[in-house]
Amino acid sequence: MSDSLRDQLLGLGFKAPAKPERKPDRKPPGRKPAAKQGGKRPPARGPREDIDLAKAYAIRAQKEKDERIEAEKKKQEAARQRREAQARLARLVEGKALNDPSAEIARHFEYGGKIKRVHVNEAQLKALNAGELGVVQVNGRYLLLEAKLLAEAEQVFPQAVALKVDPDAAPEDDVPPDLVW
């Protein structure tokens, strides 16, 4: 048992305590410190101090918070503009819809990634497929409108135009546009 406790702990893998740094001796003013042997000097620090990790995280968190607030403001502004455009569209088409309550033919179309339908009569189906009529969504309903009014509605709120047939466009495939499902 001649080994000291210190030697035993070092033998088990514990590290020796770090030696405290020695503070430089105070030199009288006006004298420059002597150059160290070996020619290496510690790196000189600039006027800016190092930013600690907690402060960096706080700055980053504040920046992310500001970005989230700005994104939310933009989102709310876009929603407000959308509501106003929908209200203008509703006023524009009020009383001008050509929907026939006795119509029995369902005309299907794609809108918003889903298959939707509007009921039309035989004359409206021909006019719709010829591009003389169009369909617009207002307050959850699909309304038949004349092409001229549909163009005005498209100027007010383009996302509401559900079906607009271009009579000059080439057919996309072999399925006729008046196919009833």
N, C-alpha and C. Protein backbone atom coordinates (compact mmCIF):
# COMPACT_ATOMS: atom_id res chain seq x y z
N MET A 1 0.82 -1.18 0.00
CA MET A 1 0.00 0.00 0.00
C MET A 1 0.86 1.25 0.00
N SER A 2 1.92 1.19 -0.70
CA SER A 2 2.80 2.34 -0.74
C SER A 2 2.29 3.42 -1.72
N ASP A 3 1.36 3.02 -2.62
CA ASP A 3 0.81 4.01 -3.56
C ASP A 3 -0.13 4.95 -2.81
N SER A 4 0.00 6.19 -3.13
CA SER A 4 -0.91 7.17 -2.50
C SER A 4 -2.27 7.10 -3.18
N LEU A 5 -3.22 7.68 -2.57
CA LEU A 5 -4.57 7.70 -3.15
C LEU A 5 -4.55 8.37 -4.52
N ARG A 6 -3.76 9.40 -4.65
CA ARG A 6 -3.63 10.11 -5.92
C ARG A 6 -3.13 9.18 -7.00
N ASP A 7 -2.08 8.40 -6.71
CA ASP A 7 -1.51 7.48 -7.68
C ASP A 7 -2.52 6.40 -8.05
N GLN A 8 -3.28 5.91 -7.08
CA GLN A 8 -4.28 4.88 -7.35
C GLN A 8 -5.37 5.41 -8.28
N LEU A 9 -5.85 6.65 -8.04
CA LEU A 9 -6.89 7.24 -8.89
C LEU A 9 -6.36 7.48 -10.30
N LEU A 10 -5.14 7.93 -10.41
CA LEU A 10 -4.55 8.11 -11.74
C LEU A 10 -4.42 6.79 -12.45
N GLY A 11 -4.10 5.72 -11.73
CA GLY A 11 -3.99 4.39 -12.32
C GLY A 11 -5.32 3.87 -12.81
N LEU A 12 -6.43 4.29 -12.17
CA LEU A 12 -7.77 3.87 -12.59
C LEU A 12 -8.30 4.68 -13.77
N GLY A 13 -7.61 5.70 -14.20
CA GLY A 13 -8.02 6.46 -15.38
C GLY A 13 -8.49 7.86 -15.08
N PHE A 14 -8.50 8.25 -13.84
CA PHE A 14 -8.86 9.63 -13.51
C PHE A 14 -7.73 10.55 -13.94
N LYS A 15 -8.12 11.75 -14.34
CA LYS A 15 -7.13 12.70 -14.82
C LYS A 15 -6.69 13.60 -13.67
N ALA A 16 -5.47 14.06 -13.79
CA ALA A 16 -4.92 14.97 -12.79
C ALA A 16 -5.63 16.31 -12.94
N PRO A 17 -5.87 17.04 -11.87
CA PRO A 17 -6.55 18.33 -11.97
C PRO A 17 -5.72 19.30 -12.81
N ALA A 18 -6.45 20.15 -13.55
CA ALA A 18 -5.77 21.13 -14.39
C ALA A 18 -5.11 22.17 -13.51
N LYS A 19 -3.95 22.60 -13.93
CA LYS A 19 -3.22 23.60 -13.17
C LYS A 19 -3.80 24.97 -13.48
N PRO A 20 -4.01 25.80 -12.49
CA PRO A 20 -4.55 27.14 -12.74
C PRO A 20 -3.55 27.98 -13.52
N GLU A 21 -4.12 28.85 -14.37
CA GLU A 21 -3.24 29.71 -15.16
C GLU A 21 -2.59 30.73 -14.25
N ARG A 22 -1.39 31.03 -14.57
CA ARG A 22 -0.64 31.99 -13.79
C ARG A 22 -0.87 33.37 -14.37
N LYS A 23 -1.26 34.30 -13.51
CA LYS A 23 -1.49 35.65 -13.98
C LYS A 23 -0.15 36.33 -14.20
N PRO A 24 -0.05 37.15 -15.25
CA PRO A 24 1.24 37.82 -15.49
C PRO A 24 1.51 38.85 -14.40
N ASP A 25 2.75 39.02 -14.16
CA ASP A 25 3.17 40.01 -13.17
C ASP A 25 2.87 41.40 -13.70
N ARG A 26 2.58 42.27 -12.80
CA ARG A 26 2.29 43.65 -13.21
C ARG A 26 3.60 44.34 -13.57
N LYS A 27 3.61 44.91 -14.71
CA LYS A 27 4.79 45.63 -15.18
C LYS A 27 4.57 47.12 -14.97
N PRO A 28 5.59 47.83 -14.76
CA PRO A 28 5.44 49.28 -14.62
C PRO A 28 4.96 49.89 -15.93
N PRO A 29 4.16 50.96 -15.87
CA PRO A 29 3.66 51.55 -17.11
C PRO A 29 4.79 52.05 -17.99
N GLY A 30 4.53 51.94 -19.30
CA GLY A 30 5.51 52.41 -20.26
C GLY A 30 6.45 51.34 -20.74
N ARG A 31 6.45 50.19 -20.11
CA ARG A 31 7.35 49.12 -20.56
C ARG A 31 6.55 48.06 -21.29
N LYS A 32 7.09 47.56 -22.34
CA LYS A 32 6.46 46.49 -23.09
C LYS A 32 6.88 45.17 -22.49
N PRO A 33 5.98 44.16 -22.51
CA PRO A 33 6.38 42.86 -21.97
C PRO A 33 7.47 42.24 -22.84
N ALA A 34 8.30 41.52 -22.20
CA ALA A 34 9.41 40.87 -22.91
C ALA A 34 8.86 39.73 -23.75
N ALA A 35 9.50 39.50 -24.89
CA ALA A 35 9.07 38.41 -25.77
C ALA A 35 9.36 37.09 -25.10
N LYS A 36 8.43 36.17 -25.25
CA LYS A 36 8.58 34.85 -24.64
C LYS A 36 9.56 34.03 -25.45
N GLN A 37 10.13 33.10 -24.74
CA GLN A 37 11.03 32.17 -25.42
C GLN A 37 10.18 31.28 -26.32
N GLY A 38 10.62 30.94 -27.47
CA GLY A 38 9.89 30.07 -28.40
C GLY A 38 9.18 30.87 -29.48
N GLY A 39 9.05 32.15 -29.31
CA GLY A 39 8.52 33.00 -30.35
C GLY A 39 7.00 32.96 -30.52
N LYS A 40 6.25 32.23 -29.69
CA LYS A 40 4.81 32.17 -29.86
C LYS A 40 4.13 33.08 -28.84
N ARG A 41 3.23 33.86 -29.35
CA ARG A 41 2.44 34.73 -28.49
C ARG A 41 0.99 34.25 -28.52
N PRO A 42 0.26 34.46 -27.48
CA PRO A 42 -1.15 34.09 -27.52
C PRO A 42 -1.86 34.97 -28.54
N PRO A 43 -2.90 34.44 -29.19
CA PRO A 43 -3.60 35.25 -30.20
C PRO A 43 -4.23 36.47 -29.56
N ALA A 44 -4.08 37.59 -30.23
CA ALA A 44 -4.61 38.84 -29.71
C ALA A 44 -6.11 38.89 -29.98
N ARG A 45 -6.88 39.30 -29.00
CA ARG A 45 -8.32 39.42 -29.17
C ARG A 45 -8.63 40.81 -29.68
N GLY A 46 -9.64 40.86 -30.55
CA GLY A 46 -10.05 42.13 -31.07
C GLY A 46 -10.90 42.87 -30.05
N PRO A 47 -11.42 44.01 -30.43
CA PRO A 47 -12.23 44.79 -29.50
C PRO A 47 -13.55 44.10 -29.18
N ARG A 48 -14.01 43.21 -30.03
CA ARG A 48 -15.29 42.54 -29.82
C ARG A 48 -15.08 41.32 -28.96
N GLU A 49 -15.90 41.16 -27.94
CA GLU A 49 -15.79 39.99 -27.09
C GLU A 49 -16.52 38.83 -27.72
N ASP A 50 -16.15 37.64 -27.31
CA ASP A 50 -16.84 36.45 -27.80
C ASP A 50 -18.26 36.43 -27.26
N ILE A 51 -19.19 36.04 -28.12
CA ILE A 51 -20.59 35.92 -27.70
C ILE A 51 -20.77 34.53 -27.10
N ASP A 52 -21.34 34.47 -25.92
CA ASP A 52 -21.52 33.17 -25.31
C ASP A 52 -22.70 32.45 -25.95
N LEU A 53 -22.77 31.17 -25.73
CA LEU A 53 -23.75 30.30 -26.39
C LEU A 53 -25.18 30.69 -26.02
N ALA A 54 -25.44 31.00 -24.78
CA ALA A 54 -26.80 31.35 -24.36
C ALA A 54 -27.28 32.61 -25.07
N LYS A 55 -26.37 33.57 -25.23
CA LYS A 55 -26.74 34.81 -25.91
C LYS A 55 -27.03 34.54 -27.39
N ALA A 56 -26.24 33.67 -28.01
CA ALA A 56 -26.46 33.33 -29.42
C ALA A 56 -27.81 32.64 -29.60
N TYR A 57 -28.15 31.72 -28.69
CA TYR A 57 -29.46 31.05 -28.77
C TYR A 57 -30.59 32.05 -28.58
N ALA A 58 -30.43 33.00 -27.68
CA ALA A 58 -31.46 34.01 -27.43
C ALA A 58 -31.67 34.88 -28.67
N ILE A 59 -30.57 35.25 -29.32
CA ILE A 59 -30.67 36.07 -30.54
C ILE A 59 -31.37 35.28 -31.63
N ARG A 60 -31.00 34.02 -31.79
CA ARG A 60 -31.63 33.17 -32.81
C ARG A 60 -33.11 32.97 -32.53
N ALA A 61 -33.46 32.73 -31.28
CA ALA A 61 -34.86 32.53 -30.91
C ALA A 61 -35.68 33.79 -31.18
N GLN A 62 -35.13 34.95 -30.89
CA GLN A 62 -35.83 36.20 -31.15
C GLN A 62 -36.03 36.42 -32.64
N LYS A 63 -35.01 36.09 -33.41
CA LYS A 63 -35.11 36.25 -34.87
C LYS A 63 -36.18 35.32 -35.43
N GLU A 64 -36.22 34.06 -34.97
CA GLU A 64 -37.23 33.12 -35.43
C GLU A 64 -38.63 33.58 -35.02
N LYS A 65 -38.75 34.13 -33.83
CA LYS A 65 -40.05 34.63 -33.36
C LYS A 65 -40.51 35.78 -34.24
N ASP A 66 -39.60 36.70 -34.57
CA ASP A 66 -39.94 37.82 -35.44
C ASP A 66 -40.38 37.34 -36.82
N GLU A 67 -39.69 36.32 -37.34
CA GLU A 67 -40.06 35.77 -38.64
C GLU A 67 -41.44 35.12 -38.60
N ARG A 68 -41.74 34.40 -37.51
CA ARG A 68 -43.07 33.78 -37.37
C ARG A 68 -44.17 34.84 -37.30
N ILE A 69 -43.91 35.91 -36.55
CA ILE A 69 -44.89 36.98 -36.43
C ILE A 69 -45.14 37.63 -37.79
N GLU A 70 -44.07 37.88 -38.53
CA GLU A 70 -44.19 38.49 -39.86
C GLU A 70 -44.96 37.58 -40.82
N ALA A 71 -44.69 36.27 -40.77
CA ALA A 71 -45.40 35.32 -41.62
C ALA A 71 -46.88 35.28 -41.26
N GLU A 72 -47.19 35.34 -39.98
CA GLU A 72 -48.59 35.34 -39.54
C GLU A 72 -49.31 36.61 -40.00
N LYS A 73 -48.61 37.75 -39.96
CA LYS A 73 -49.22 39.00 -40.44
C LYS A 73 -49.53 38.91 -41.94
N LYS A 74 -48.59 38.35 -42.70
CA LYS A 74 -48.81 38.20 -44.14
C LYS A 74 -49.98 37.26 -44.41
N LYS A 75 -50.06 36.19 -43.64
CA LYS A 75 -51.14 35.22 -43.80
C LYS A 75 -52.49 35.87 -43.49
N GLN A 76 -52.56 36.66 -42.43
CA GLN A 76 -53.80 37.33 -42.07
C GLN A 76 -54.19 38.37 -43.12
N GLU A 77 -53.21 39.07 -43.66
CA GLU A 77 -53.49 40.06 -44.70
C GLU A 77 -54.04 39.38 -45.96
N ALA A 78 -53.44 38.24 -46.33
CA ALA A 78 -53.92 37.50 -47.50
C ALA A 78 -55.34 37.00 -47.27
N ALA A 79 -55.64 36.54 -46.07
CA ALA A 79 -56.99 36.06 -45.75
C ALA A 79 -57.99 37.21 -45.81
N ARG A 80 -57.60 38.38 -45.33
CA ARG A 80 -58.48 39.55 -45.38
C ARG A 80 -58.78 39.94 -46.82
N GLN A 81 -57.75 39.96 -47.67
CA GLN A 81 -57.95 40.30 -49.08
C GLN A 81 -58.83 39.27 -49.77
N ARG A 82 -58.67 38.00 -49.40
CA ARG A 82 -59.49 36.93 -49.98
C ARG A 82 -60.96 37.11 -49.59
N ARG A 83 -61.21 37.42 -48.31
CA ARG A 83 -62.59 37.64 -47.86
C ARG A 83 -63.23 38.82 -48.59
N GLU A 84 -62.47 39.90 -48.76
CA GLU A 84 -62.99 41.07 -49.46
C GLU A 84 -63.31 40.75 -50.91
N ALA A 85 -62.44 39.98 -51.57
CA ALA A 85 -62.68 39.61 -52.97
C ALA A 85 -63.91 38.70 -53.08
N GLN A 86 -64.08 37.79 -52.14
CA GLN A 86 -65.26 36.92 -52.15
C GLN A 86 -66.53 37.74 -51.96
N ALA A 87 -66.49 38.74 -51.10
CA ALA A 87 -67.66 39.59 -50.87
C ALA A 87 -67.99 40.39 -52.14
N ARG A 88 -66.97 40.93 -52.81
CA ARG A 88 -67.20 41.66 -54.06
C ARG A 88 -67.80 40.74 -55.13
N LEU A 89 -67.30 39.51 -55.19
CA LEU A 89 -67.81 38.54 -56.15
C LEU A 89 -69.27 38.21 -55.86
N ALA A 90 -69.61 38.02 -54.60
CA ALA A 90 -70.99 37.71 -54.24
C ALA A 90 -71.93 38.84 -54.64
N ARG A 91 -71.49 40.10 -54.45
CA ARG A 91 -72.30 41.25 -54.87
C ARG A 91 -72.43 41.31 -56.39
N LEU A 92 -71.36 40.95 -57.09
CA LEU A 92 -71.36 41.01 -58.56
C LEU A 92 -72.35 40.02 -59.17
N VAL A 93 -72.41 38.82 -58.66
CA VAL A 93 -73.24 37.77 -59.27
C VAL A 93 -74.62 37.65 -58.62
N GLU A 94 -74.91 38.46 -57.64
CA GLU A 94 -76.18 38.37 -56.94
C GLU A 94 -77.35 38.57 -57.91
N GLY A 95 -78.21 37.57 -57.98
CA GLY A 95 -79.39 37.62 -58.83
C GLY A 95 -79.13 37.38 -60.31
N LYS A 96 -77.90 37.09 -60.69
CA LYS A 96 -77.56 36.91 -62.10
C LYS A 96 -77.27 35.46 -62.46
N ALA A 97 -77.42 34.55 -61.53
CA ALA A 97 -77.14 33.14 -61.79
C ALA A 97 -78.22 32.56 -62.69
N LEU A 98 -77.82 31.65 -63.56
CA LEU A 98 -78.74 31.04 -64.51
C LEU A 98 -79.14 29.62 -64.12
N ASN A 99 -78.89 29.23 -62.88
CA ASN A 99 -79.20 27.88 -62.43
C ASN A 99 -80.71 27.63 -62.56
N ASP A 100 -81.06 26.47 -63.13
CA ASP A 100 -82.45 26.08 -63.33
C ASP A 100 -82.81 25.09 -62.23
N PRO A 101 -83.79 25.42 -61.36
CA PRO A 101 -84.14 24.50 -60.27
C PRO A 101 -84.72 23.18 -60.74
N SER A 102 -85.24 23.13 -61.97
CA SER A 102 -85.81 21.88 -62.49
C SER A 102 -84.82 21.10 -63.35
N ALA A 103 -83.57 21.54 -63.41
CA ALA A 103 -82.55 20.87 -64.24
C ALA A 103 -82.24 19.49 -63.67
N GLU A 104 -82.09 18.52 -64.57
CA GLU A 104 -81.85 17.15 -64.14
C GLU A 104 -80.53 16.57 -64.65
N ILE A 105 -79.85 17.26 -65.53
CA ILE A 105 -78.60 16.76 -66.08
C ILE A 105 -77.45 17.25 -65.20
N ALA A 106 -76.64 16.33 -64.74
CA ALA A 106 -75.49 16.69 -63.91
C ALA A 106 -74.26 16.86 -64.80
N ARG A 107 -73.68 18.04 -64.79
CA ARG A 107 -72.45 18.31 -65.55
C ARG A 107 -71.30 18.27 -64.55
N HIS A 108 -70.40 17.31 -64.70
CA HIS A 108 -69.28 17.13 -63.79
C HIS A 108 -68.05 17.89 -64.29
N PHE A 109 -67.25 18.35 -63.34
CA PHE A 109 -66.03 19.07 -63.67
C PHE A 109 -65.08 18.96 -62.48
N GLU A 110 -63.81 19.23 -62.76
CA GLU A 110 -62.80 19.18 -61.69
C GLU A 110 -62.61 20.59 -61.13
N TYR A 111 -62.62 20.67 -59.80
CA TYR A 111 -62.40 21.95 -59.14
C TYR A 111 -61.77 21.68 -57.78
N GLY A 112 -60.64 22.29 -57.54
CA GLY A 112 -59.96 22.11 -56.25
C GLY A 112 -59.44 20.69 -56.05
N GLY A 113 -59.12 20.01 -57.13
CA GLY A 113 -58.58 18.65 -57.03
C GLY A 113 -59.65 17.59 -56.81
N LYS A 114 -60.93 17.98 -56.88
CA LYS A 114 -62.03 17.04 -56.68
C LYS A 114 -63.01 17.17 -57.83
N ILE A 115 -63.81 16.13 -58.01
CA ILE A 115 -64.85 16.15 -59.04
C ILE A 115 -66.10 16.77 -58.43
N LYS A 116 -66.57 17.84 -59.05
CA LYS A 116 -67.78 18.55 -58.60
C LYS A 116 -68.82 18.44 -59.69
N ARG A 117 -70.06 18.88 -59.38
CA ARG A 117 -71.10 18.84 -60.40
C ARG A 117 -72.04 20.01 -60.23
N VAL A 118 -72.65 20.36 -61.32
CA VAL A 118 -73.69 21.38 -61.35
C VAL A 118 -74.82 20.81 -62.22
N HIS A 119 -76.06 21.04 -61.81
CA HIS A 119 -77.21 20.54 -62.57
C HIS A 119 -77.62 21.58 -63.60
N VAL A 120 -77.79 21.11 -64.83
CA VAL A 120 -78.14 21.98 -65.95
C VAL A 120 -79.24 21.32 -66.77
N ASN A 121 -79.89 22.12 -67.63
CA ASN A 121 -80.84 21.54 -68.58
C ASN A 121 -80.11 21.33 -69.91
N GLU A 122 -80.79 20.81 -70.89
CA GLU A 122 -80.16 20.45 -72.17
C GLU A 122 -79.54 21.67 -72.87
N ALA A 123 -80.24 22.79 -72.90
CA ALA A 123 -79.74 23.99 -73.56
C ALA A 123 -78.52 24.54 -72.80
N GLN A 124 -78.57 24.54 -71.50
CA GLN A 124 -77.45 25.03 -70.71
C GLN A 124 -76.22 24.15 -70.88
N LEU A 125 -76.44 22.83 -71.01
CA LEU A 125 -75.31 21.91 -71.20
C LEU A 125 -74.59 22.22 -72.50
N LYS A 126 -75.34 22.45 -73.58
CA LYS A 126 -74.73 22.79 -74.87
C LYS A 126 -73.99 24.12 -74.78
N ALA A 127 -74.60 25.10 -74.13
CA ALA A 127 -73.97 26.42 -74.01
C ALA A 127 -72.73 26.34 -73.11
N LEU A 128 -72.79 25.54 -72.07
CA LEU A 128 -71.65 25.38 -71.17
C LEU A 128 -70.48 24.73 -71.88
N ASN A 129 -70.75 23.70 -72.67
CA ASN A 129 -69.69 23.01 -73.41
C ASN A 129 -69.15 23.85 -74.57
N ALA A 130 -69.94 24.80 -75.04
CA ALA A 130 -69.49 25.68 -76.12
C ALA A 130 -68.71 26.88 -75.59
N GLY A 131 -68.70 27.06 -74.28
CA GLY A 131 -67.97 28.18 -73.69
C GLY A 131 -68.81 29.43 -73.54
N GLU A 132 -70.12 29.35 -73.82
CA GLU A 132 -71.00 30.50 -73.67
C GLU A 132 -71.41 30.72 -72.22
N LEU A 133 -71.31 29.69 -71.40
CA LEU A 133 -71.61 29.76 -69.98
C LEU A 133 -70.39 29.26 -69.21
N GLY A 134 -70.37 29.57 -67.96
CA GLY A 134 -69.30 29.10 -67.09
C GLY A 134 -69.84 28.88 -65.69
N VAL A 135 -69.02 28.30 -64.84
CA VAL A 135 -69.43 28.00 -63.47
C VAL A 135 -68.47 28.70 -62.52
N VAL A 136 -69.04 29.34 -61.50
CA VAL A 136 -68.26 30.00 -60.48
C VAL A 136 -68.77 29.53 -59.12
N GLN A 137 -67.86 29.43 -58.15
CA GLN A 137 -68.25 29.02 -56.80
C GLN A 137 -68.38 30.26 -55.93
N VAL A 138 -69.57 30.41 -55.34
CA VAL A 138 -69.84 31.53 -54.44
C VAL A 138 -70.53 30.97 -53.20
N ASN A 139 -69.91 31.19 -52.05
CA ASN A 139 -70.46 30.74 -50.77
C ASN A 139 -70.82 29.25 -50.78
N GLY A 140 -69.98 28.44 -51.39
CA GLY A 140 -70.18 26.99 -51.38
C GLY A 140 -71.14 26.48 -52.44
N ARG A 141 -71.69 27.34 -53.24
CA ARG A 141 -72.62 26.93 -54.30
C ARG A 141 -71.97 27.17 -55.66
N TYR A 142 -72.35 26.35 -56.62
CA TYR A 142 -71.84 26.49 -57.99
C TYR A 142 -72.92 27.15 -58.83
N LEU A 143 -72.60 28.32 -59.36
CA LEU A 143 -73.56 29.11 -60.12
C LEU A 143 -73.18 29.16 -61.59
N LEU A 144 -74.19 29.02 -62.46
CA LEU A 144 -73.99 29.17 -63.90
C LEU A 144 -74.06 30.65 -64.24
N LEU A 145 -73.08 31.12 -64.99
CA LEU A 145 -73.04 32.52 -65.39
C LEU A 145 -72.75 32.62 -66.88
N GLU A 146 -73.18 33.73 -67.48
CA GLU A 146 -72.83 33.99 -68.87
C GLU A 146 -71.33 34.25 -68.97
N ALA A 147 -70.74 34.03 -70.12
CA ALA A 147 -69.30 34.16 -70.31
C ALA A 147 -68.80 35.57 -69.98
N LYS A 148 -69.59 36.59 -70.34
CA LYS A 148 -69.19 37.97 -70.07
C LYS A 148 -69.10 38.21 -68.55
N LEU A 149 -70.11 37.75 -67.81
CA LEU A 149 -70.12 37.91 -66.36
C LEU A 149 -69.04 37.04 -65.71
N LEU A 150 -68.79 35.89 -66.31
CA LEU A 150 -67.73 35.01 -65.81
C LEU A 150 -66.37 35.69 -65.93
N ALA A 151 -66.15 36.42 -67.02
CA ALA A 151 -64.89 37.14 -67.20
C ALA A 151 -64.74 38.24 -66.14
N GLU A 152 -65.84 38.92 -65.81
CA GLU A 152 -65.78 39.93 -64.75
C GLU A 152 -65.49 39.28 -63.41
N ALA A 153 -66.13 38.15 -63.16
CA ALA A 153 -65.91 37.41 -61.90
C ALA A 153 -64.46 36.96 -61.80
N GLU A 154 -63.87 36.58 -62.92
CA GLU A 154 -62.48 36.15 -62.93
C GLU A 154 -61.54 37.31 -62.60
N GLN A 155 -61.91 38.52 -62.99
CA GLN A 155 -61.11 39.69 -62.66
C GLN A 155 -61.18 40.00 -61.16
N VAL A 156 -62.34 39.77 -60.55
CA VAL A 156 -62.54 40.07 -59.14
C VAL A 156 -61.86 39.02 -58.26
N PHE A 157 -62.11 37.74 -58.55
CA PHE A 157 -61.59 36.66 -57.71
C PHE A 157 -61.36 35.41 -58.58
N PRO A 158 -60.17 35.27 -59.18
CA PRO A 158 -59.91 34.19 -60.14
C PRO A 158 -60.05 32.78 -59.56
N GLN A 159 -59.78 32.61 -58.26
CA GLN A 159 -59.85 31.27 -57.67
C GLN A 159 -61.27 30.73 -57.63
N ALA A 160 -62.29 31.58 -57.74
CA ALA A 160 -63.68 31.15 -57.65
C ALA A 160 -64.19 30.57 -58.97
N VAL A 161 -63.50 30.80 -60.07
CA VAL A 161 -63.95 30.27 -61.36
C VAL A 161 -63.71 28.77 -61.35
N ALA A 162 -64.83 28.03 -61.37
CA ALA A 162 -64.75 26.57 -61.26
C ALA A 162 -64.69 25.90 -62.63
N LEU A 163 -65.40 26.44 -63.60
CA LEU A 163 -65.42 25.82 -64.93
C LEU A 163 -65.52 26.90 -65.98
N LYS A 164 -64.52 26.93 -66.82
CA LYS A 164 -64.48 27.87 -67.94
C LYS A 164 -63.98 27.09 -69.14
N VAL A 165 -64.88 26.85 -70.09
CA VAL A 165 -64.53 26.05 -71.26
C VAL A 165 -64.06 26.98 -72.36
N ASP A 166 -62.89 26.69 -72.92
CA ASP A 166 -62.36 27.44 -74.04
C ASP A 166 -62.78 26.72 -75.32
N PRO A 167 -63.67 27.31 -76.11
CA PRO A 167 -64.16 26.62 -77.31
C PRO A 167 -63.08 26.43 -78.37
N ASP A 168 -62.01 27.22 -78.34
CA ASP A 168 -60.95 27.13 -79.34
C ASP A 168 -59.86 26.12 -78.95
N ALA A 169 -59.90 25.64 -77.72
CA ALA A 169 -58.86 24.72 -77.26
C ALA A 169 -59.06 23.33 -77.86
N ALA A 170 -57.95 22.67 -78.14
CA ALA A 170 -58.01 21.31 -78.67
C ALA A 170 -58.44 20.36 -77.55
N PRO A 171 -59.20 19.34 -77.87
CA PRO A 171 -59.60 18.40 -76.83
C PRO A 171 -58.39 17.67 -76.26
N GLU A 172 -58.43 17.45 -74.95
CA GLU A 172 -57.30 16.82 -74.27
C GLU A 172 -57.22 15.32 -74.54
N ASP A 173 -58.35 14.69 -74.66
CA ASP A 173 -58.36 13.24 -74.89
C ASP A 173 -59.61 12.88 -75.67
N ASP A 174 -59.93 11.59 -75.73
CA ASP A 174 -61.05 11.12 -76.52
C ASP A 174 -62.40 11.27 -75.82
N VAL A 175 -62.43 11.73 -74.60
CA VAL A 175 -63.68 11.83 -73.85
C VAL A 175 -64.34 13.15 -74.22
N PRO A 176 -65.59 13.12 -74.68
CA PRO A 176 -66.29 14.36 -75.03
C PRO A 176 -66.59 15.18 -73.77
N PRO A 177 -66.62 16.53 -73.92
CA PRO A 177 -66.82 17.37 -72.73
C PRO A 177 -68.23 17.27 -72.14
N ASP A 178 -69.19 16.77 -72.89
CA ASP A 178 -70.56 16.70 -72.37
C ASP A 178 -70.87 15.30 -71.82
N LEU A 179 -69.86 14.54 -71.51
CA LEU A 179 -70.05 13.22 -70.95
C LEU A 179 -70.80 13.31 -69.62
N VAL A 180 -71.88 12.57 -69.49
CA VAL A 180 -72.66 12.57 -68.27
C VAL A 180 -72.26 11.33 -67.48
N TRP A 181 -71.88 11.52 -66.24
CA TRP A 181 -71.44 10.41 -65.41
C TRP A 181 -72.56 9.85 -64.60
